[in-house]
Amino acid sequence: MSVPAARDSAISLEARKALERITAKFPQADPVGLLPDVSPARIPRHIAVIMDGNGRWAEERGFPRIFGHRAGASAVREIIAGCVKVGVEVLTLYSFSSENWRRPSEEVEALMRLCVAYCQGEQDELKRNNIRVRVIGRREGMPSDVLGALDTLCAATADCTGLTLCLAINYGSRDEILDAVRVLAGRVARGELSADGITHDVFEACLDTAGLPDPDLLIRTGGEMRLSNYLLWQLSYAELYVIPDHWPDFNEAALYGAIRAYAQRQRRFGGLDSDAP
C-alpha cells in the first residue's frame, strides 16, 4: 500500500472510531450530516465558552443590560442543542465570575434571579435531552435560593448520560487553584501525601473540574482577547477562537463555524506537526 493510501486508511479508521464513540453516547447525533467537511475525529470533545457581550448587545439596542442577559440565556439553549447534534461531550459556560460581584447591585441581583429562573425553567428539558448539569465555583457568598436551585438541578440530572453542561458560577480560576493548593498542603501537613507525590493527576483531582477532560476549544464572544481568570490550568493546550459577535447573536451556525476552524488547526502539544495526534 502506498504511503498516501495508508494515511487515508488510517484517517478513515480514526474517523469511524470517533463516530462510533459519538453515536454510542448521542444516538441522535449526526456530525457527518451537519459537518460533512469535518472528520468526526476532529470534533472537540469539550468546548468552554466565555459568553461575553450580553450587556453591550442590549445597550446597542437601547435596552437595559439585563435584557441582554435574558437574550443570552436563549442563545445557551441553542448552543446546547447544537453541541448534542454533533457529539460534543462537555460544554462549560462562564456564567458568573467571582469578579462579577463588582457590577452594579441591581444587575447582580437580576442575574441571580435569572439563574434561579433558568434552573427551574430548563430542568425538565435538560432531563428530556439526557443532559447532566454540573456546577463549578465557590459556594461561599452565593444567595441561598440560587444554591438551592442549582443543587436541585444537579440532583435532578445526576443520572443523565449525555452531554455534561458545566456551569461556572461565582468562579475564578485563581481561587480554584488556590483552593486546590490548600487542600494538598493540608494533606502533606497531615502526612497523608508527600510533596513528591503531588503530580499533575493528583493536582487535577483537587480542581472543581475533576473528572472532566480538559477543554479542546475555547470560544470567546465579544471580541476581547483575554482569558479573564477562566480555567487557567485546564486551558493550557486549548485552541482559542475569538469573534466580535456578542453572545446573544451566537447561534448554531456560529458554533459550527468555530468547530470548523478548530478542525483545521494542528494541535502540537509542544511537539512538531509530525508528532501531533
Foldseek 3Di string as FASTA:
>chain_A
DDPVVVVVVVLVVLLVVLVVVQCVQQVQADQCVVPVVFRSNLFWQEEEEEQDDLQVVQVVVVHHSLVSVVLLLVQVVQVVVLCSNSRRAEYEYALAELVNVPPPPVSVVSSLVVLLCCLVVCLVVCVVNLEAEAEFADPPPRDPSNVVSSVVSNVSNVPRRGHYYYYYHNHFQVVQLVQLVVVVVVCVVVVNAPPVRDDPLSSLCSGSCPPDQQTQEYEYEQQDDDDRRPPPVSCPQHHYHYDNHHSSPCGSVNVVVRSVVSSPDQRAVPHDSVPTD
